[in-house]
Structure formats: structure tokens, C-alpha cells
Amino acid sequence: MPLFKPLVTDTLIFDLQSLQLIVVQRALVAAAAGVQKIELGTWDIAAARRSNAAKLARIKGGAHG
């Protein structure tokens, strides 16, 4: 029996005013895992966008050259 199972999408929230999609995921952790505390991190969206833009630029540049 696995101690940790993959995250499962639980809820989708469509905010049409701000054009955002919010995804709520559920984590299942077995009691046998001995987890006492779970901490959630934050995602640096600006850094992720820069990284994605750089990757796309490399891909597009390689396709034509």
C-alpha cells in the first residue's frame, strides 16, 4: 500500500471577472506515513512565465535554424 497517493483534482473554480482558473487538489496521505505536518509552498508565477518564455524562444529558434 503506497503511503502517498497522487494529487487528485477536487474542485475547479472559474473566476470569469478576473479570467482565472483556480484548481483545488486533494492529497491523500496514509496514517502509516507518520506525517505530522504538511506545509504548502508558493509558486512564483512571474519566474515560471519567464522560464516558459525562454524555453519557447529556444524551441522556436531551433525550428527555423
PDB file of N, CA and C in Angstrom:
ATOM      1  N   MET A   1       0.839  -1.181   0.000  1.00  0.00           N
ATOM      2  CA  MET A   1       0.000   0.000   0.000  1.00  0.00           C
ATOM      3  C   MET A   1       0.883   1.243   0.000  1.00  0.00           C
ATOM      4  N   PRO A   2       0.689   2.153  -0.966  1.00  0.00           N
ATOM      5  CA  PRO A   2       1.513   3.371  -1.003  1.00  0.00           C
ATOM      6  C   PRO A   2       1.177   4.307   0.150  1.00  0.00           C
ATOM      7  N   LEU A   3       2.202   4.968   0.658  1.00  0.00           N
ATOM      8  CA  LEU A   3       1.984   5.916   1.748  1.00  0.00           C
ATOM      9  C   LEU A   3       1.453   7.246   1.242  1.00  0.00           C
ATOM     10  N   PHE A   4       1.837   7.591   0.025  1.00  0.00           N
ATOM     11  CA  PHE A   4       1.367   8.831  -0.586  1.00  0.00           C
ATOM     12  C   PHE A   4       0.723   8.484  -1.913  1.00  0.00           C
ATOM     13  N   LYS A   5      -0.425   9.055  -2.185  1.00  0.00           N
ATOM     14  CA  LYS A   5      -1.103   8.841  -3.462  1.00  0.00           C
ATOM     15  C   LYS A   5      -1.005  10.123  -4.279  1.00  0.00           C
ATOM     16  N   PRO A   6      -1.111  10.020  -5.606  1.00  0.00           N
ATOM     17  CA  PRO A   6      -1.062  11.233  -6.436  1.00  0.00           C
ATOM     18  C   PRO A   6      -2.165  12.214  -6.053  1.00  0.00           C
ATOM     19  N   LEU A   7      -1.897  13.499  -6.274  1.00  0.00           N
ATOM     20  CA  LEU A   7      -2.914  14.519  -6.016  1.00  0.00           C
ATOM     21  C   LEU A   7      -4.096  14.306  -6.945  1.00  0.00           C
ATOM     22  N   VAL A   8      -5.265  14.549  -6.427  1.00  0.00           N
ATOM     23  CA  VAL A   8      -6.496  14.396  -7.182  1.00  0.00           C
ATOM     24  C   VAL A   8      -7.165  15.770  -7.280  1.00  0.00           C
ATOM     25  N   THR A   9      -7.556  16.160  -8.491  1.00  0.00           N
ATOM     26  CA  THR A   9      -8.273  17.430  -8.641  1.00  0.00           C
ATOM     27  C   THR A   9      -9.632  17.300  -7.976  1.00  0.00           C
ATOM     28  N   ASP A  10      -9.899  18.205  -7.057  1.00  0.00           N
ATOM     29  CA  ASP A  10     -11.105  18.148  -6.252  1.00  0.00           C
ATOM     30  C   ASP A  10     -12.138  19.162  -6.735  1.00  0.00           C
ATOM     31  N   THR A  11     -11.682  20.386  -7.018  1.00  0.00           N
ATOM     32  CA  THR A  11     -12.602  21.472  -7.369  1.00  0.00           C
ATOM     33  C   THR A  11     -11.956  22.380  -8.408  1.00  0.00           C
ATOM     34  N   LEU A  12     -12.749  22.834  -9.362  1.00  0.00           N
ATOM     35  CA  LEU A  12     -12.316  23.854 -10.314  1.00  0.00           C
ATOM     36  C   LEU A  12     -13.167  25.092 -10.094  1.00  0.00           C
ATOM     37  N   ILE A  13     -12.518  26.232  -9.945  1.00  0.00           N
ATOM     38  CA  ILE A  13     -13.234  27.489  -9.737  1.00  0.00           C
ATOM     39  C   ILE A  13     -12.907  28.398 -10.918  1.00  0.00           C
ATOM     40  N   PHE A  14     -13.926  28.788 -11.655  1.00  0.00           N
ATOM     41  CA  PHE A  14     -13.761  29.683 -12.793  1.00  0.00           C
ATOM     42  C   PHE A  14     -14.150  31.090 -12.360  1.00  0.00           C
ATOM     43  N   ASP A  15     -13.168  31.987 -12.316  1.00  0.00           N
ATOM     44  CA  ASP A  15     -13.435  33.378 -11.982  1.00  0.00           C
ATOM     45  C   ASP A  15     -13.438  34.140 -13.305  1.00  0.00           C
ATOM     46  N   LEU A  16     -14.616  34.345 -13.863  1.00  0.00           N
ATOM     47  CA  LEU A  16     -14.736  34.962 -15.176  1.00  0.00           C
ATOM     48  C   LEU A  16     -14.462  36.461 -15.160  1.00  0.00           C
ATOM     49  N   GLN A  17     -14.589  37.083 -13.996  1.00  0.00           N
ATOM     50  CA  GLN A  17     -14.305  38.511 -13.899  1.00  0.00           C
ATOM     51  C   GLN A  17     -12.805  38.779 -14.039  1.00  0.00           C
ATOM     52  N   SER A  18     -11.995  37.978 -13.370  1.00  0.00           N
ATOM     53  CA  SER A  18     -10.541  38.196 -13.434  1.00  0.00           C
ATOM     54  C   SER A  18      -9.860  37.230 -14.401  1.00  0.00           C
ATOM     55  N   LEU A  19     -10.669  36.428 -15.114  1.00  0.00           N
ATOM     56  CA  LEU A  19     -10.160  35.464 -16.086  1.00  0.00           C
ATOM     57  C   LEU A  19      -9.127  34.523 -15.470  1.00  0.00           C
ATOM     58  N   GLN A  20      -9.505  33.924 -14.336  1.00  0.00           N
ATOM     59  CA  GLN A  20      -8.624  32.989 -13.647  1.00  0.00           C
ATOM     60  C   GLN A  20      -9.305  31.648 -13.493  1.00  0.00           C
ATOM     61  N   LEU A  21      -8.503  30.605 -13.542  1.00  0.00           N
ATOM     62  CA  LEU A  21      -8.959  29.254 -13.230  1.00  0.00           C
ATOM     63  C   LEU A  21      -8.197  28.813 -11.989  1.00  0.00           C
ATOM     64  N   ILE A  22      -8.909  28.469 -10.950  1.00  0.00           N
ATOM     65  CA  ILE A  22      -8.299  28.030  -9.699  1.00  0.00           C
ATOM     66  C   ILE A  22      -8.557  26.532  -9.562  1.00  0.00           C
ATOM     67  N   VAL A  23      -7.482  25.778  -9.331  1.00  0.00           N
ATOM     68  CA  VAL A  23      -7.581  24.331  -9.201  1.00  0.00           C
ATOM     69  C   VAL A  23      -7.287  23.956  -7.754  1.00  0.00           C
ATOM     70  N   VAL A  24      -8.216  23.251  -7.133  1.00  0.00           N
ATOM     71  CA  VAL A  24      -8.043  22.771  -5.765  1.00  0.00           C
ATOM     72  C   VAL A  24      -7.770  21.274  -5.854  1.00  0.00           C
ATOM     73  N   GLN A  25      -6.655  20.845  -5.250  1.00  0.00           N
ATOM     74  CA  GLN A  25      -6.312  19.431  -5.291  1.00  0.00           C
ATOM     75  C   GLN A  25      -6.337  18.853  -3.886  1.00  0.00           C
ATOM     76  N   ARG A  26      -6.625  17.582  -3.817  1.00  0.00           N
ATOM     77  CA  ARG A  26      -6.743  16.868  -2.546  1.00  0.00           C
ATOM     78  C   ARG A  26      -5.564  15.909  -2.429  1.00  0.00           C
ATOM     79  N   ALA A  27      -4.924  15.898  -1.284  1.00  0.00           N
ATOM     80  CA  ALA A  27      -3.813  14.985  -1.035  1.00  0.00           C
ATOM     81  C   ALA A  27      -4.258  13.894  -0.061  1.00  0.00           C
ATOM     82  N   LEU A  28      -3.954  12.661  -0.410  1.00  0.00           N
ATOM     83  CA  LEU A  28      -4.250  11.535   0.476  1.00  0.00           C
ATOM     84  C   LEU A  28      -2.932  10.982   0.996  1.00  0.00           C
ATOM     85  N   VAL A  29      -2.779  11.001   2.313  1.00  0.00           N
ATOM     86  CA  VAL A  29      -1.550  10.519   2.946  1.00  0.00           C
ATOM     87  C   VAL A  29      -1.952   9.472   3.970  1.00  0.00           C
ATOM     88  N   ALA A  30      -1.366   8.286   3.857  1.00  0.00           N
ATOM     89  CA  ALA A  30      -1.693   7.203   4.794  1.00  0.00           C
ATOM     90  C   ALA A  30      -1.187   7.547   6.189  1.00  0.00           C
ATOM     91  N   ALA A  31      -1.932   7.125   7.185  1.00  0.00           N
ATOM     92  CA  ALA A  31      -1.533   7.357   8.564  1.00  0.00           C
ATOM     93  C   ALA A  31      -0.183   6.698   8.860  1.00  0.00           C
ATOM     94  N   ALA A  32       0.120   5.604   8.174  1.00  0.00           N
ATOM     95  CA  ALA A  32       1.375   4.891   8.379  1.00  0.00           C
ATOM     96  C   ALA A  32       2.588   5.700   7.916  1.00  0.00           C
ATOM     97  N   ALA A  33       2.370   6.766   7.169  1.00  0.00           N
ATOM     98  CA  ALA A  33       3.478   7.589   6.685  1.00  0.00           C
ATOM     99  C   ALA A  33       4.126   8.366   7.827  1.00  0.00           C
ATOM    100  N   GLY A  34       3.407   8.533   8.916  1.00  0.00           N
ATOM    101  CA  GLY A  34       3.960   9.244  10.065  1.00  0.00           C
ATOM    102  C   GLY A  34       4.060  10.749   9.869  1.00  0.00           C
ATOM    103  N   VAL A  35       3.303  11.288   8.933  1.00  0.00           N
ATOM    104  CA  VAL A  35       3.340  12.731   8.658  1.00  0.00           C
ATOM    105  C   VAL A  35       2.669  13.464   9.814  1.00  0.00           C
ATOM    106  N   GLN A  36       3.386  14.453  10.362  1.00  0.00           N
ATOM    107  CA  GLN A  36       2.831  15.239  11.453  1.00  0.00           C
ATOM    108  C   GLN A  36       2.426  16.637  11.003  1.00  0.00           C
ATOM    109  N   LYS A  37       3.063  17.106   9.914  1.00  0.00           N
ATOM    110  CA  LYS A  37       2.769  18.455   9.458  1.00  0.00           C
ATOM    111  C   LYS A  37       2.990  18.518   7.948  1.00  0.00           C
ATOM    112  N   ILE A  38       2.085  19.188   7.249  1.00  0.00           N
ATOM    113  CA  ILE A  38       2.219  19.411   5.813  1.00  0.00           C
ATOM    114  C   ILE A  38       2.244  20.916   5.588  1.00  0.00           C
ATOM    115  N   GLU A  39       3.269  21.382   4.875  1.00  0.00           N
ATOM    116  CA  GLU A  39       3.390  22.800   4.577  1.00  0.00           C
ATOM    117  C   GLU A  39       3.189  23.024   3.090  1.00  0.00           C
ATOM    118  N   LEU A  40       2.444  24.051   2.761  1.00  0.00           N
ATOM    119  CA  LEU A  40       2.213  24.408   1.374  1.00  0.00           C
ATOM    120  C   LEU A  40       3.166  25.519   0.978  1.00  0.00           C
ATOM    121  N   GLY A  41       3.725  25.398  -0.213  1.00  0.00           N
ATOM    122  CA  GLY A  41       4.621  26.429  -0.715  1.00  0.00           C
ATOM    123  C   GLY A  41       3.880  27.396  -1.605  1.00  0.00           C
ATOM    124  N   THR A  42       4.597  28.374  -2.070  1.00  0.00           N
ATOM    125  CA  THR A  42       4.015  29.335  -3.007  1.00  0.00           C
ATOM    126  C   THR A  42       4.698  29.167  -4.346  1.00  0.00           C
ATOM    127  N   TRP A  43       4.046  29.579  -5.371  1.00  0.00           N
ATOM    128  CA  TRP A  43       4.550  29.457  -6.725  1.00  0.00           C
ATOM    129  C   TRP A  43       4.843  30.845  -7.250  1.00  0.00           C
ATOM    130  N   ASP A  44       6.068  31.055  -7.697  1.00  0.00           N
ATOM    131  CA  ASP A  44       6.465  32.345  -8.266  1.00  0.00           C
ATOM    132  C   ASP A  44       6.035  32.361  -9.731  1.00  0.00           C
ATOM    133  N   ILE A  45       4.834  32.866  -9.989  1.00  0.00           N
ATOM    134  CA  ILE A  45       4.257  32.836 -11.334  1.00  0.00           C
ATOM    135  C   ILE A  45       5.084  33.649 -12.322  1.00  0.00           C
ATOM    136  N   ALA A  46       5.656  34.767 -11.882  1.00  0.00           N
ATOM    137  CA  ALA A  46       6.463  35.592 -12.786  1.00  0.00           C
ATOM    138  C   ALA A  46       7.705  34.828 -13.241  1.00  0.00           C
ATOM    139  N   ALA A  47       8.363  34.138 -12.327  1.00  0.00           N
ATOM    140  CA  ALA A  47       9.549  33.350 -12.676  1.00  0.00           C
ATOM    141  C   ALA A  47       9.172  32.201 -13.612  1.00  0.00           C
ATOM    142  N   ALA A  48       8.033  31.573 -13.366  1.00  0.00           N
ATOM    143  CA  ALA A  48       7.578  30.471 -14.223  1.00  0.00           C
ATOM    144  C   ALA A  48       7.281  30.978 -15.629  1.00  0.00           C
ATOM    145  N   ARG A  49       6.675  32.134 -15.736  1.00  0.00           N
ATOM    146  CA  ARG A  49       6.376  32.706 -17.056  1.00  0.00           C
ATOM    147  C   ARG A  49       7.658  33.044 -17.812  1.00  0.00           C
ATOM    148  N   ARG A  50       8.648  33.606 -17.109  1.00  0.00           N
ATOM    149  CA  ARG A  50       9.935  33.912 -17.753  1.00  0.00           C
ATOM    150  C   ARG A  50      10.605  32.640 -18.247  1.00  0.00           C
ATOM    151  N   SER A  51      10.583  31.612 -17.417  1.00  0.00           N
ATOM    152  CA  SER A  51      11.183  30.333 -17.789  1.00  0.00           C
ATOM    153  C   SER A  51      10.482  29.736 -19.008  1.00  0.00           C
ATOM    154  N   ASN A  52       9.166  29.759 -19.006  1.00  0.00           N
ATOM    155  CA  ASN A  52       8.408  29.228 -20.145  1.00  0.00           C
ATOM    156  C   ASN A  52       8.687  30.021 -21.415  1.00  0.00           C
ATOM    157  N   ALA A  53       8.780  31.339 -21.303  1.00  0.00           N
ATOM    158  CA  ALA A  53       9.057  32.178 -22.474  1.00  0.00           C
ATOM    159  C   ALA A  53      10.435  31.861 -23.041  1.00  0.00           C
ATOM    160  N   ALA A  54      11.417  31.670 -22.169  1.00  0.00           N
ATOM    161  CA  ALA A  54      12.767  31.341 -22.628  1.00  0.00           C
ATOM    162  C   ALA A  54      12.790  29.980 -23.328  1.00  0.00           C
ATOM    163  N   LYS A  55      12.083  29.008 -22.790  1.00  0.00           N
ATOM    164  CA  LYS A  55      12.017  27.677 -23.408  1.00  0.00           C
ATOM    165  C   LYS A  55      11.343  27.741 -24.768  1.00  0.00           C
ATOM    166  N   LEU A  56      10.244  28.485 -24.851  1.00  0.00           N
ATOM    167  CA  LEU A  56       9.545  28.631 -26.139  1.00  0.00           C
ATOM    168  C   LEU A  56      10.420  29.325 -27.173  1.00  0.00           C
ATOM    169  N   ALA A  57      11.168  30.331 -26.733  1.00  0.00           N
ATOM    170  CA  ALA A  57      12.052  31.047 -27.657  1.00  0.00           C
ATOM    171  C   ALA A  57      13.128  30.106 -28.195  1.00  0.00           C
ATOM    172  N   ARG A  58      13.684  29.241 -27.329  1.00  0.00           N
ATOM    173  CA  ARG A  58      14.695  28.275 -27.778  1.00  0.00           C
ATOM    174  C   ARG A  58      14.092  27.287 -28.767  1.00  0.00           C
ATOM    175  N   ILE A  59      12.874  26.835 -28.483  1.00  0.00           N
ATOM    176  CA  ILE A  59      12.212  25.865 -29.357  1.00  0.00           C
ATOM    177  C   ILE A  59      11.930  26.506 -30.716  1.00  0.00           C
ATOM    178  N   LYS A  60      11.380  27.706 -30.696  1.00  0.00           N
ATOM    179  CA  LYS A  60      11.053  28.398 -31.948  1.00  0.00           C
ATOM    180  C   LYS A  60      12.318  28.740 -32.723  1.00  0.00           C
ATOM    181  N   GLY A  61      13.367  29.131 -32.037  1.00  0.00           N
ATOM    182  CA  GLY A  61      14.635  29.461 -32.675  1.00  0.00           C
ATOM    183  C   GLY A  61      15.265  28.241 -33.317  1.00  0.00           C
ATOM    184  N   GLY A  62      15.145  27.087 -32.665  1.00  0.00           N
ATOM    185  CA  GLY A  62      15.708  25.854 -33.197  1.00  0.00           C
ATOM    186  C   GLY A  62      14.917  25.307 -34.371  1.00  0.00           C
ATOM    187  N   ALA A  63      13.635  25.613 -34.424  1.00  0.00           N
ATOM    188  CA  ALA A  63      12.791  25.098 -35.508  1.00  0.00           C
ATOM    189  C   ALA A  63      13.100  25.767 -36.827  1.00  0.00           C
ATOM    190  N   HIS A  64      13.565  27.009 -36.770  1.00  0.00           N
ATOM    191  CA  HIS A  64      13.836  27.748 -38.005  1.00  0.00           C
ATOM    192  C   HIS A  64      15.308  27.736 -38.380  1.00  0.00           C
ATOM    193  N   GLY A  65      16.158  27.279 -37.478  1.00  0.00           N
ATOM    194  CA  GLY A  65      17.573  27.376 -37.759  1.00  0.00           C
ATOM    195  C   GLY A  65      18.190  26.066 -37.818  1.00  0.00           C
TER     196      GLY A  65
END
